């Protein structure tokens, strides 16, 4: 009820419910409110007098008026958030063969405490040092608990760890897995649900100035172009030909037709030499090149170093031409 700031109406006496008369606020202090406001607060059950009813008054606030919970402490003990030994047991339970890869793995209870403080149910969590995949595991756990829609991006530079531990752990906790208890009995752990996509970092396409590097390879450029256009990874399975039904391309044969997404076909004309603009070099869209491309009746997006077809002809054929390197977006 008292504060150091001067208040001209904050020096009155108060009678407590016990009958004790409080002559005024503590020395050097002032009541925060006027006598009239104080009496209204007291009638409205807004003053705390202590259990015996004779303490110096305090302002009462109800839980319904404030955010529930408490401010997180700055020291977290292992009884509350786990320790390295607990984390190792969690990994061994999910992936029994991986016992000595990580020296100091993080327990799920620790990251859960962090995410409870730092995330909301729809947030994106980024872990640049994914390791054993605890971050993804915890995100899936929390989504199941509060019906949230958190997403995660995990980055792991060791390919062996990324494939065999990080991704494998997430796959098992999402789908469910079997494990052996301390007595050697097989038990079943139900899946948490959810899922993820495993992507491998490709080659560097752009230099520091945002220009395409001269030595870029076809497949690397193809993967980037297709993702920029569709938001999807380059298909790994062959695209069936409308006439024969047989596949006309795969990720390995570097065919100019990269893929068809929502009725739009994406092509890439690129012979590996960025500045080759010869009409017969394979990088330029000519009438002859157009005839040689796999047929598609719908909309077509064609990337190339140059185009010898007129704007009217492109519109007539439903073609959007994007010139390399100027129209290859970095993101």
C-alpha atoms as a PDB file:
ATOM      1  CA  UNK A   1       0.000   0.000   0.000  1.00  0.00           C
ATOM      2  CA  UNK A   2       2.972   2.352   0.440  1.00  0.00           C
ATOM      3  CA  UNK A   3       5.549   3.848  -1.942  1.00  0.00           C
ATOM      4  CA  UNK A   4       8.372   6.378  -1.786  1.00  0.00           C
ATOM      5  CA  UNK A   5       6.879   8.758  -4.346  1.00  0.00           C
ATOM      6  CA  UNK A   6       5.346  11.828  -2.727  1.00  0.00           C
ATOM      7  CA  UNK A   7       1.529  11.865  -2.722  1.00  0.00           C
ATOM      8  CA  UNK A   8      -0.298  14.772  -1.068  1.00  0.00           C
ATOM      9  CA  UNK A   9      -3.292  12.607  -0.059  1.00  0.00           C
ATOM     10  CA  UNK A  10      -1.203   9.678   1.148  1.00  0.00           C
ATOM     11  CA  UNK A  11      -0.599  10.489   4.848  1.00  0.00           C
ATOM     12  CA  UNK A  12      -3.875   9.537   6.599  1.00  0.00           C
ATOM     13  CA  UNK A  13      -4.366   7.117   9.507  1.00  0.00           C
ATOM     14  CA  UNK A  14      -5.987   3.684   9.100  1.00  0.00           C
ATOM     15  CA  UNK A  15      -7.862   1.417  11.499  1.00  0.00           C
ATOM     16  CA  UNK A  16      -7.283  -2.287  10.902  1.00  0.00           C
ATOM     17  CA  UNK A  17     -10.084  -4.914  11.332  1.00  0.00           C
ATOM     18  CA  UNK A  18      -8.427  -5.986  14.592  1.00  0.00           C
ATOM     19  CA  UNK A  19      -8.913  -2.464  15.981  1.00  0.00           C
ATOM     20  CA  UNK A  20      -5.260  -1.509  15.651  1.00  0.00           C
ATOM     21  CA  UNK A  21      -4.783   2.111  14.590  1.00  0.00           C
ATOM     22  CA  UNK A  22      -2.024   2.688  12.050  1.00  0.00           C
ATOM     23  CA  UNK A  23      -1.090   6.365  12.276  1.00  0.00           C
ATOM     24  CA  UNK A  24       0.214   6.546   8.744  1.00  0.00           C
ATOM     25  CA  UNK A  25       2.520   4.954   6.195  1.00  0.00           C
ATOM     26  CA  UNK A  26       6.078   3.904   7.181  1.00  0.00           C
ATOM     27  CA  UNK A  27       8.607   6.694   7.644  1.00  0.00           C
ATOM     28  CA  UNK A  28       9.607   8.272   4.354  1.00  0.00           C
ATOM     29  CA  UNK A  29       6.706   6.576   2.520  1.00  0.00           C
ATOM     30  CA  UNK A  30       3.199   7.562   1.348  1.00  0.00           C
ATOM     31  CA  UNK A  31       0.007   5.552   0.835  1.00  0.00           C
ATOM     32  CA  UNK A  32      -0.463   4.833  -2.851  1.00  0.00           C
ATOM     33  CA  UNK A  33      -4.149   5.879  -2.906  1.00  0.00           C
ATOM     34  CA  UNK A  34      -6.365   8.493  -1.269  1.00  0.00           C
ATOM     35  CA  UNK A  35      -8.399   7.697   1.846  1.00  0.00           C
ATOM     36  CA  UNK A  36     -11.628   7.550  -0.164  1.00  0.00           C
ATOM     37  CA  UNK A  37     -10.136   5.071  -2.686  1.00  0.00           C
ATOM     38  CA  UNK A  38      -8.672   3.002   0.148  1.00  0.00           C
ATOM     39  CA  UNK A  39     -12.060   2.665   1.837  1.00  0.00           C
ATOM     40  CA  UNK A  40     -13.634   1.538  -1.446  1.00  0.00           C
ATOM     41  CA  UNK A  41     -10.888  -1.062  -1.920  1.00  0.00           C
ATOM     42  CA  UNK A  42     -11.367  -2.314   1.644  1.00  0.00           C
ATOM     43  CA  UNK A  43     -15.115  -2.723   1.137  1.00  0.00           C
ATOM     44  CA  UNK A  44     -14.422  -4.573  -2.143  1.00  0.00           C
ATOM     45  CA  UNK A  45     -12.173  -7.159  -0.434  1.00  0.00           C
ATOM     46  CA  UNK A  46      -9.097  -5.665  -2.079  1.00  0.00           C
ATOM     47  CA  UNK A  47      -6.977  -5.228   1.072  1.00  0.00           C
ATOM     48  CA  UNK A  48      -4.955  -7.923   2.850  1.00  0.00           C
ATOM     49  CA  UNK A  49      -4.600  -7.360   6.617  1.00  0.00           C
ATOM     50  CA  UNK A  50      -2.760 -10.553   7.467  1.00  0.00           C
ATOM     51  CA  UNK A  51      -4.240 -13.626   9.166  1.00  0.00           C
ATOM     52  CA  UNK A  52      -4.974 -11.800  12.461  1.00  0.00           C
ATOM     53  CA  UNK A  53      -6.382  -8.710  10.727  1.00  0.00           C
ATOM     54  CA  UNK A  54      -3.872  -6.284  12.204  1.00  0.00           C
ATOM     55  CA  UNK A  55      -1.004  -6.101   9.748  1.00  0.00           C
ATOM     56  CA  UNK A  56       0.009  -3.093   7.694  1.00  0.00           C
ATOM     57  CA  UNK A  57      -2.383  -3.224   4.707  1.00  0.00           C
ATOM     58  CA  UNK A  58      -1.359  -4.711   1.359  1.00  0.00           C
ATOM     59  CA  UNK A  59      -3.168  -4.599  -1.970  1.00  0.00           C
ATOM     60  CA  UNK A  60      -4.832  -7.903  -2.840  1.00  0.00           C
ATOM     61  CA  UNK A  61      -4.877  -9.245  -6.405  1.00  0.00           C
ATOM     62  CA  UNK A  62      -6.807 -12.280  -7.596  1.00  0.00           C
ATOM     63  CA  UNK A  63      -5.386 -15.028  -9.815  1.00  0.00           C
ATOM     64  CA  UNK A  64      -8.091 -14.339 -12.378  1.00  0.00           C
ATOM     65  CA  UNK A  65      -6.595 -10.883 -12.904  1.00  0.00           C
ATOM     66  CA  UNK A  66      -2.981 -11.887 -13.467  1.00  0.00           C
ATOM     67  CA  UNK A  67      -1.139 -14.308 -15.716  1.00  0.00           C
ATOM     68  CA  UNK A  68      -1.023 -17.726 -14.108  1.00  0.00           C
ATOM     69  CA  UNK A  69       2.304 -19.332 -13.261  1.00  0.00           C
ATOM     70  CA  UNK A  70       5.546 -18.080 -11.799  1.00  0.00           C
ATOM     71  CA  UNK A  71       8.673 -16.446 -13.169  1.00  0.00           C
ATOM     72  CA  UNK A  72      11.195 -19.200 -14.108  1.00  0.00           C
ATOM     73  CA  UNK A  73      14.113 -19.636 -11.740  1.00  0.00           C
ATOM     74  CA  UNK A  74      17.642 -19.054 -13.054  1.00  0.00           C
ATOM     75  CA  UNK A  75      19.049 -22.284 -11.618  1.00  0.00           C
ATOM     76  CA  UNK A  76      17.558 -25.584 -12.765  1.00  0.00           C
ATOM     77  CA  UNK A  77      18.483 -28.662 -10.749  1.00  0.00           C
ATOM     78  CA  UNK A  78      18.751 -32.108 -12.291  1.00  0.00           C
ATOM     79  CA  UNK A  79      15.855 -33.383 -10.199  1.00  0.00           C
ATOM     80  CA  UNK A  80      13.620 -31.081 -12.243  1.00  0.00           C
ATOM     81  CA  UNK A  81      15.189 -31.080 -15.725  1.00  0.00           C
ATOM     82  CA  UNK A  82      17.266 -34.263 -15.883  1.00  0.00           C
ATOM     83  CA  UNK A  83      20.975 -34.788 -16.497  1.00  0.00           C
ATOM     84  CA  UNK A  84      23.403 -36.320 -19.001  1.00  0.00           C
ATOM     85  CA  UNK A  85      22.938 -39.833 -17.627  1.00  0.00           C
ATOM     86  CA  UNK A  86      19.188 -39.569 -18.093  1.00  0.00           C
ATOM     87  CA  UNK A  87      19.688 -38.290 -21.644  1.00  0.00           C
ATOM     88  CA  UNK A  88      21.934 -41.240 -22.537  1.00  0.00           C
ATOM     89  CA  UNK A  89      19.319 -43.674 -21.247  1.00  0.00           C
ATOM     90  CA  UNK A  90      16.690 -41.982 -23.419  1.00  0.00           C
ATOM     91  CA  UNK A  91      18.843 -42.428 -26.543  1.00  0.00           C
ATOM     92  CA  UNK A  92      19.683 -46.065 -25.756  1.00  0.00           C
ATOM     93  CA  UNK A  93      16.007 -46.830 -25.207  1.00  0.00           C
ATOM     94  CA  UNK A  94      15.135 -45.543 -28.688  1.00  0.00           C
ATOM     95  CA  UNK A  95      18.317 -46.550 -30.579  1.00  0.00           C
ATOM     96  CA  UNK A  96      20.032 -49.331 -28.598  1.00  0.00           C
ATOM     97  CA  UNK A  97      23.132 -49.549 -30.816  1.00  0.00           C
ATOM     98  CA  UNK A  98      24.131 -45.884 -30.386  1.00  0.00           C
ATOM     99  CA  UNK A  99      25.568 -45.807 -26.881  1.00  0.00           C
ATOM    100  CA  UNK A 100      28.901 -43.988 -27.168  1.00  0.00           C
ATOM    101  CA  UNK A 101      28.368 -41.383 -29.891  1.00  0.00           C
ATOM    102  CA  UNK A 102      27.405 -38.455 -27.647  1.00  0.00           C
ATOM    103  CA  UNK A 103      29.322 -37.462 -24.531  1.00  0.00           C
ATOM    104  CA  UNK A 104      26.910 -34.838 -23.226  1.00  0.00           C
ATOM    105  CA  UNK A 105      23.453 -35.324 -24.757  1.00  0.00           C
ATOM    106  CA  UNK A 106      20.613 -33.135 -23.487  1.00  0.00           C
ATOM    107  CA  UNK A 107      17.695 -34.700 -21.577  1.00  0.00           C
ATOM    108  CA  UNK A 108      14.208 -34.152 -22.944  1.00  0.00           C
ATOM    109  CA  UNK A 109      13.071 -32.590 -19.651  1.00  0.00           C
ATOM    110  CA  UNK A 110      15.653 -29.817 -20.022  1.00  0.00           C
ATOM    111  CA  UNK A 111      14.556 -28.818 -23.518  1.00  0.00           C
ATOM    112  CA  UNK A 112      10.927 -29.158 -22.553  1.00  0.00           C
ATOM    113  CA  UNK A 113      11.472 -26.587 -19.801  1.00  0.00           C
ATOM    114  CA  UNK A 114      13.127 -24.238 -22.321  1.00  0.00           C
ATOM    115  CA  UNK A 115      10.333 -24.635 -24.884  1.00  0.00           C
ATOM    116  CA  UNK A 116       7.629 -24.164 -22.251  1.00  0.00           C
ATOM    117  CA  UNK A 117       9.159 -20.771 -21.525  1.00  0.00           C
ATOM    118  CA  UNK A 118      10.185 -19.752 -25.031  1.00  0.00           C
ATOM    119  CA  UNK A 119       7.585 -21.155 -27.460  1.00  0.00           C
ATOM    120  CA  UNK A 120       3.909 -21.014 -28.286  1.00  0.00           C
ATOM    121  CA  UNK A 121       1.957 -23.911 -29.850  1.00  0.00           C
ATOM    122  CA  UNK A 122       2.439 -22.612 -33.413  1.00  0.00           C
ATOM    123  CA  UNK A 123       6.126 -21.624 -33.307  1.00  0.00           C
ATOM    124  CA  UNK A 124       9.086 -22.804 -35.392  1.00  0.00           C
ATOM    125  CA  UNK A 125      12.062 -24.141 -33.410  1.00  0.00           C
ATOM    126  CA  UNK A 126      15.542 -24.081 -35.002  1.00  0.00           C
ATOM    127  CA  UNK A 127      18.385 -26.244 -33.678  1.00  0.00           C
ATOM    128  CA  UNK A 128      21.664 -25.674 -35.538  1.00  0.00           C
ATOM    129  CA  UNK A 129      23.424 -28.509 -33.674  1.00  0.00           C
ATOM    130  CA  UNK A 130      20.815 -31.271 -33.831  1.00  0.00           C
ATOM    131  CA  UNK A 131      22.983 -34.164 -32.606  1.00  0.00           C
ATOM    132  CA  UNK A 132      20.782 -36.911 -31.199  1.00  0.00           C
ATOM    133  CA  UNK A 133      17.572 -35.101 -32.188  1.00  0.00           C
ATOM    134  CA  UNK A 134      16.300 -34.258 -28.707  1.00  0.00           C
ATOM    135  CA  UNK A 135      14.849 -30.963 -29.954  1.00  0.00           C
ATOM    136  CA  UNK A 136      12.621 -32.655 -32.519  1.00  0.00           C
ATOM    137  CA  UNK A 137      11.618 -35.328 -30.015  1.00  0.00           C
ATOM    138  CA  UNK A 138      10.509 -32.687 -27.499  1.00  0.00           C
ATOM    139  CA  UNK A 139       8.620 -30.656 -30.105  1.00  0.00           C
ATOM    140  CA  UNK A 140       6.621 -33.764 -31.057  1.00  0.00           C
ATOM    141  CA  UNK A 141       5.969 -34.524 -27.372  1.00  0.00           C
ATOM    142  CA  UNK A 142       4.722 -31.007 -26.656  1.00  0.00           C
ATOM    143  CA  UNK A 143       2.510 -30.950 -29.756  1.00  0.00           C
ATOM    144  CA  UNK A 144       0.821 -34.115 -28.556  1.00  0.00           C
ATOM    145  CA  UNK A 145       0.390 -32.771 -25.015  1.00  0.00           C
ATOM    146  CA  UNK A 146      -1.173 -29.416 -25.916  1.00  0.00           C
ATOM    147  CA  UNK A 147      -2.446 -30.214 -29.433  1.00  0.00           C
ATOM    148  CA  UNK A 148       0.036 -27.636 -30.739  1.00  0.00           C
ATOM    149  CA  UNK A 149       1.413 -27.179 -34.225  1.00  0.00           C
ATOM    150  CA  UNK A 150       5.060 -26.406 -33.535  1.00  0.00           C
ATOM    151  CA  UNK A 151       7.525 -27.108 -36.355  1.00  0.00           C
ATOM    152  CA  UNK A 152      11.245 -27.705 -36.168  1.00  0.00           C
ATOM    153  CA  UNK A 153      14.312 -27.357 -38.376  1.00  0.00           C
ATOM    154  CA  UNK A 154      17.257 -29.472 -37.246  1.00  0.00           C
ATOM    155  CA  UNK A 155      20.724 -29.070 -38.762  1.00  0.00           C
ATOM    156  CA  UNK A 156      23.401 -31.749 -38.372  1.00  0.00           C
ATOM    157  CA  UNK A 157      26.636 -31.540 -40.394  1.00  0.00           C
ATOM    158  CA  UNK A 158      27.757 -35.149 -39.735  1.00  0.00           C
ATOM    159  CA  UNK A 159      25.934 -37.142 -42.413  1.00  0.00           C
ATOM    160  CA  UNK A 160      26.215 -40.437 -40.512  1.00  0.00           C
ATOM    161  CA  UNK A 161      24.710 -38.929 -37.360  1.00  0.00           C
ATOM    162  CA  UNK A 162      22.031 -37.077 -39.317  1.00  0.00           C
ATOM    163  CA  UNK A 163      20.807 -40.209 -41.104  1.00  0.00           C
ATOM    164  CA  UNK A 164      21.368 -42.956 -38.560  1.00  0.00           C
ATOM    165  CA  UNK A 165      20.666 -41.174 -35.291  1.00  0.00           C
ATOM    166  CA  UNK A 166      18.895 -37.810 -35.655  1.00  0.00           C
ATOM    167  CA  UNK A 167      16.438 -38.858 -38.364  1.00  0.00           C
ATOM    168  CA  UNK A 168      16.108 -42.422 -37.078  1.00  0.00           C
ATOM    169  CA  UNK A 169      15.202 -41.216 -33.591  1.00  0.00           C
ATOM    170  CA  UNK A 170      12.552 -38.850 -34.908  1.00  0.00           C
ATOM    171  CA  UNK A 171      11.126 -41.577 -37.132  1.00  0.00           C
ATOM    172  CA  UNK A 172      10.813 -43.995 -34.216  1.00  0.00           C
ATOM    173  CA  UNK A 173       9.323 -41.560 -31.710  1.00  0.00           C
ATOM    174  CA  UNK A 174       6.812 -40.353 -34.301  1.00  0.00           C
ATOM    175  CA  UNK A 175       5.724 -43.819 -35.445  1.00  0.00           C
ATOM    176  CA  UNK A 176       6.321 -45.836 -32.268  1.00  0.00           C
ATOM    177  CA  UNK A 177       9.006 -48.398 -31.442  1.00  0.00           C
ATOM    178  CA  UNK A 178       9.824 -51.441 -29.327  1.00  0.00           C
ATOM    179  CA  UNK A 179      12.448 -51.532 -26.585  1.00  0.00           C
ATOM    180  CA  UNK A 180      13.692 -53.784 -23.808  1.00  0.00           C
ATOM    181  CA  UNK A 181      13.143 -52.899 -20.167  1.00  0.00           C
ATOM    182  CA  UNK A 182      15.693 -53.516 -17.410  1.00  0.00           C
ATOM    183  CA  UNK A 183      14.602 -57.156 -17.147  1.00  0.00           C
ATOM    184  CA  UNK A 184      15.032 -57.711 -20.870  1.00  0.00           C
ATOM    185  CA  UNK A 185      11.313 -57.835 -21.623  1.00  0.00           C
ATOM    186  CA  UNK A 186      10.116 -56.323 -24.892  1.00  0.00           C
ATOM    187  CA  UNK A 187       7.852 -53.305 -24.511  1.00  0.00           C
ATOM    188  CA  UNK A 188       6.005 -51.133 -27.003  1.00  0.00           C
ATOM    189  CA  UNK A 189       6.252 -47.338 -26.973  1.00  0.00           C
ATOM    190  CA  UNK A 190       3.358 -45.639 -28.780  1.00  0.00           C
ATOM    191  CA  UNK A 191       4.180 -43.084 -31.461  1.00  0.00           C
ATOM    192  CA  UNK A 192       3.799 -39.371 -30.822  1.00  0.00           C
ATOM    193  CA  UNK A 193       2.474 -38.674 -34.302  1.00  0.00           C
ATOM    194  CA  UNK A 194       3.686 -35.935 -36.618  1.00  0.00           C
ATOM    195  CA  UNK A 195       6.487 -36.299 -39.112  1.00  0.00           C
ATOM    196  CA  UNK A 196       9.409 -34.625 -40.846  1.00  0.00           C
ATOM    197  CA  UNK A 197      11.244 -34.324 -44.142  1.00  0.00           C
ATOM    198  CA  UNK A 198      14.919 -35.248 -44.403  1.00  0.00           C
ATOM    199  CA  UNK A 199      16.890 -32.959 -46.743  1.00  0.00           C
ATOM    200  CA  UNK A 200      20.580 -32.992 -47.619  1.00  0.00           C
ATOM    201  CA  UNK A 201      22.412 -29.696 -48.053  1.00  0.00           C
ATOM    202  CA  UNK A 202      23.292 -29.182 -51.704  1.00  0.00           C
ATOM    203  CA  UNK A 203      26.249 -27.469 -53.333  1.00  0.00           C
ATOM    204  CA  UNK A 204      26.787 -23.717 -52.984  1.00  0.00           C
ATOM    205  CA  UNK A 205      25.141 -22.095 -56.010  1.00  0.00           C
ATOM    206  CA  UNK A 206      25.653 -18.387 -55.299  1.00  0.00           C
ATOM    207  CA  UNK A 207      28.715 -16.321 -54.478  1.00  0.00           C
ATOM    208  CA  UNK A 208      28.925 -13.557 -51.859  1.00  0.00           C
ATOM    209  CA  UNK A 209      27.376 -11.059 -54.299  1.00  0.00           C
ATOM    210  CA  UNK A 210      24.396 -13.309 -54.975  1.00  0.00           C
ATOM    211  CA  UNK A 211      25.576 -14.339 -58.453  1.00  0.00           C
ATOM    212  CA  UNK A 212      25.467 -17.944 -59.688  1.00  0.00           C
ATOM    213  CA  UNK A 213      28.907 -19.541 -59.473  1.00  0.00           C
ATOM    214  CA  UNK A 214      30.476 -20.423 -62.824  1.00  0.00           C
ATOM    215  CA  UNK A 215      31.184 -24.053 -61.896  1.00  0.00           C
ATOM    216  CA  UNK A 216      27.620 -24.930 -60.856  1.00  0.00           C
ATOM    217  CA  UNK A 217      26.515 -28.413 -61.981  1.00  0.00           C
ATOM    218  CA  UNK A 218      23.250 -29.280 -63.703  1.00  0.00           C
ATOM    219  CA  UNK A 219      21.684 -31.346 -60.932  1.00  0.00           C
ATOM    220  CA  UNK A 220      22.495 -28.747 -58.270  1.00  0.00           C
ATOM    221  CA  UNK A 221      20.938 -25.959 -60.318  1.00  0.00           C
ATOM    222  CA  UNK A 222      17.982 -28.201 -61.213  1.00  0.00           C
ATOM    223  CA  UNK A 223      17.192 -28.938 -57.570  1.00  0.00           C
ATOM    224  CA  UNK A 224      17.266 -25.240 -56.708  1.00  0.00           C
ATOM    225  CA  UNK A 225      15.182 -24.131 -59.693  1.00  0.00           C
ATOM    226  CA  UNK A 226      12.498 -26.738 -59.085  1.00  0.00           C
ATOM    227  CA  UNK A 227      12.226 -25.910 -55.396  1.00  0.00           C
ATOM    228  CA  UNK A 228      11.990 -22.166 -56.066  1.00  0.00           C
ATOM    229  CA  UNK A 229       9.163 -22.741 -58.552  1.00  0.00           C
ATOM    230  CA  UNK A 230       7.171 -25.361 -56.654  1.00  0.00           C
ATOM    231  CA  UNK A 231       8.271 -25.340 -53.016  1.00  0.00           C
ATOM    232  CA  UNK A 232       8.882 -29.079 -53.403  1.00  0.00           C
ATOM    233  CA  UNK A 233      12.099 -31.133 -53.745  1.00  0.00           C
ATOM    234  CA  UNK A 234      13.112 -32.376 -57.173  1.00  0.00           C
ATOM    235  CA  UNK A 235      11.244 -35.662 -57.871  1.00  0.00           C
ATOM    236  CA  UNK A 236      13.331 -38.806 -57.599  1.00  0.00           C
ATOM    237  CA  UNK A 237      10.962 -40.983 -59.621  1.00  0.00           C
ATOM    238  CA  UNK A 238      10.621 -40.781 -63.425  1.00  0.00           C
ATOM    239  CA  UNK A 239       7.810 -38.677 -64.864  1.00  0.00           C
ATOM    240  CA  UNK A 240       5.502 -40.856 -67.032  1.00  0.00           C
ATOM    241  CA  UNK A 241       5.197 -39.917 -70.678  1.00  0.00           C
ATOM    242  CA  UNK A 242       1.582 -39.168 -71.729  1.00  0.00           C
ATOM    243  CA  UNK A 243       1.935 -41.416 -74.791  1.00  0.00           C
ATOM    244  CA  UNK A 244       4.033 -44.379 -73.737  1.00  0.00           C
ATOM    245  CA  UNK A 245       3.431 -44.343 -70.008  1.00  0.00           C
ATOM    246  CA  UNK A 246       7.141 -44.943 -69.514  1.00  0.00           C
ATOM    247  CA  UNK A 247       9.363 -42.633 -67.511  1.00  0.00           C
ATOM    248  CA  UNK A 248      10.930 -39.715 -69.388  1.00  0.00           C
ATOM    249  CA  UNK A 249      13.310 -38.472 -66.673  1.00  0.00           C
ATOM    250  CA  UNK A 250      14.743 -39.161 -63.279  1.00  0.00           C
ATOM    251  CA  UNK A 251      17.075 -37.248 -60.985  1.00  0.00           C
ATOM    252  CA  UNK A 252      20.001 -39.149 -62.500  1.00  0.00           C
ATOM    253  CA  UNK A 253      19.625 -38.705 -66.246  1.00  0.00           C
ATOM    254  CA  UNK A 254      19.570 -34.876 -66.214  1.00  0.00           C
ATOM    255  CA  UNK A 255      16.657 -34.630 -68.603  1.00  0.00           C
ATOM    256  CA  UNK A 256      15.466 -31.046 -69.332  1.00  0.00           C
ATOM    257  CA  UNK A 257      12.026 -31.746 -67.847  1.00  0.00           C
ATOM    258  CA  UNK A 258      12.570 -31.430 -64.094  1.00  0.00           C
ATOM    259  CA  UNK A 259       9.046 -32.235 -63.012  1.00  0.00           C
ATOM    260  CA  UNK A 260       5.336 -31.408 -63.215  1.00  0.00           C
ATOM    261  CA  UNK A 261       3.673 -29.761 -60.225  1.00  0.00           C
ATOM    262  CA  UNK A 262      -0.028 -28.808 -60.106  1.00  0.00           C
ATOM    263  CA  UNK A 263      -0.213 -29.003 -63.881  1.00  0.00           C
ATOM    264  CA  UNK A 264       2.859 -26.843 -64.531  1.00  0.00           C
ATOM    265  CA  UNK A 265       5.963 -28.385 -66.123  1.00  0.00           C
ATOM    266  CA  UNK A 266       9.386 -27.003 -65.158  1.00  0.00           C
ATOM    267  CA  UNK A 267      12.282 -27.329 -67.642  1.00  0.00           C
ATOM    268  CA  UNK A 268      15.954 -26.434 -67.327  1.00  0.00           C
ATOM    269  CA  UNK A 269      18.144 -25.852 -70.396  1.00  0.00           C
ATOM    270  CA  UNK A 270      21.707 -25.957 -69.149  1.00  0.00           C
ATOM    271  CA  UNK A 271      24.751 -27.691 -70.598  1.00  0.00           C
ATOM    272  CA  UNK A 272      27.044 -26.898 -67.678  1.00  0.00           C
ATOM    273  CA  UNK A 273      28.511 -23.720 -69.179  1.00  0.00           C
ATOM    274  CA  UNK A 274      26.813 -20.696 -67.668  1.00  0.00           C
ATOM    275  CA  UNK A 275      27.565 -18.179 -70.438  1.00  0.00           C
ATOM    276  CA  UNK A 276      27.004 -20.440 -73.447  1.00  0.00           C
ATOM    277  CA  UNK A 277      24.405 -18.640 -75.576  1.00  0.00           C
ATOM    278  CA  UNK A 278      24.992 -20.428 -78.899  1.00  0.00           C
ATOM    279  CA  UNK A 279      21.702 -21.326 -80.578  1.00  0.00           C
ATOM    280  CA  UNK A 280      22.721 -24.967 -80.860  1.00  0.00           C
ATOM    281  CA  UNK A 281      24.514 -25.234 -77.498  1.00  0.00           C
ATOM    282  CA  UNK A 282      21.550 -26.523 -75.535  1.00  0.00           C
ATOM    283  CA  UNK A 283      21.127 -23.483 -73.312  1.00  0.00           C
ATOM    284  CA  UNK A 284      18.899 -21.440 -75.636  1.00  0.00           C
ATOM    285  CA  UNK A 285      15.195 -21.976 -76.281  1.00  0.00           C
ATOM    286  CA  UNK A 286      14.801 -22.242 -80.040  1.00  0.00           C
ATOM    287  CA  UNK A 287      12.048 -23.814 -82.143  1.00  0.00           C
ATOM    288  CA  UNK A 288      14.209 -26.895 -82.613  1.00  0.00           C
ATOM    289  CA  UNK A 289      14.912 -27.134 -78.888  1.00  0.00           C
ATOM    290  CA  UNK A 290      11.222 -26.729 -78.107  1.00  0.00           C
ATOM    291  CA  UNK A 291      10.348 -29.615 -80.450  1.00  0.00           C
ATOM    292  CA  UNK A 292      12.892 -31.860 -78.725  1.00  0.00           C
ATOM    293  CA  UNK A 293      11.555 -31.245 -75.217  1.00  0.00           C
ATOM    294  CA  UNK A 294       9.202 -33.784 -73.569  1.00  0.00           C
ATOM    295  CA  UNK A 295       5.666 -32.745 -74.411  1.00  0.00           C
ATOM    296  CA  UNK A 296       3.325 -31.189 -71.871  1.00  0.00           C
ATOM    297  CA  UNK A 297      -0.119 -29.826 -72.695  1.00  0.00           C
ATOM    298  CA  UNK A 298      -0.357 -27.423 -69.777  1.00  0.00           C
ATOM    299  CA  UNK A 299       1.625 -24.418 -68.537  1.00  0.00           C
ATOM    300  CA  UNK A 300       5.397 -24.612 -69.010  1.00  0.00           C
ATOM    301  CA  UNK A 301       8.188 -22.746 -67.214  1.00  0.00           C
ATOM    302  CA  UNK A 302      11.499 -22.988 -69.060  1.00  0.00           C
ATOM    303  CA  UNK A 303      14.850 -21.807 -67.696  1.00  0.00           C
ATOM    304  CA  UNK A 304      17.648 -21.097 -70.172  1.00  0.00           C
ATOM    305  CA  UNK A 305      20.471 -18.730 -71.067  1.00  0.00           C
ATOM    306  CA  UNK A 306      18.528 -17.235 -73.950  1.00  0.00           C
ATOM    307  CA  UNK A 307      15.299 -17.416 -75.943  1.00  0.00           C
ATOM    308  CA  UNK A 308      14.800 -16.952 -79.726  1.00  0.00           C
ATOM    309  CA  UNK A 309      11.009 -17.245 -79.599  1.00  0.00           C
ATOM    310  CA  UNK A 310       8.880 -14.103 -79.644  1.00  0.00           C
ATOM    311  CA  UNK A 311       6.766 -12.985 -76.702  1.00  0.00           C
ATOM    312  CA  UNK A 312       3.613 -13.676 -78.734  1.00  0.00           C
ATOM    313  CA  UNK A 313       4.756 -17.218 -79.497  1.00  0.00           C
ATOM    314  CA  UNK A 314       5.567 -17.875 -75.833  1.00  0.00           C
ATOM    315  CA  UNK A 315       2.109 -16.681 -74.781  1.00  0.00           C
ATOM    316  CA  UNK A 316       0.484 -18.797 -77.499  1.00  0.00           C
ATOM    317  CA  UNK A 317       2.272 -21.913 -76.254  1.00  0.00           C
ATOM    318  CA  UNK A 318       1.707 -21.178 -72.562  1.00  0.00           C
ATOM    319  CA  UNK A 319       5.425 -20.786 -71.873  1.00  0.00           C
ATOM    320  CA  UNK A 320       7.032 -18.605 -69.225  1.00  0.00           C
ATOM    321  CA  UNK A 321      10.727 -18.190 -70.001  1.00  0.00           C
ATOM    322  CA  UNK A 322      13.174 -17.349 -67.223  1.00  0.00           C
ATOM    323  CA  UNK A 323      16.676 -16.303 -68.197  1.00  0.00           C
ATOM    324  CA  UNK A 324      19.710 -17.755 -66.442  1.00  0.00           C
ATOM    325  CA  UNK A 325      21.347 -16.328 -64.369  1.00  0.00           C
ATOM    326  CA  UNK A 326      19.270 -13.162 -63.962  1.00  0.00           C
ATOM    327  CA  UNK A 327      15.943 -14.790 -63.098  1.00  0.00           C
ATOM    328  CA  UNK A 328      17.263 -17.542 -60.845  1.00  0.00           C
ATOM    329  CA  UNK A 329      16.294 -16.365 -57.381  1.00  0.00           C
ATOM    330  CA  UNK A 330      18.540 -17.027 -54.420  1.00  0.00           C
ATOM    331  CA  UNK A 331      15.530 -17.738 -52.204  1.00  0.00           C
END
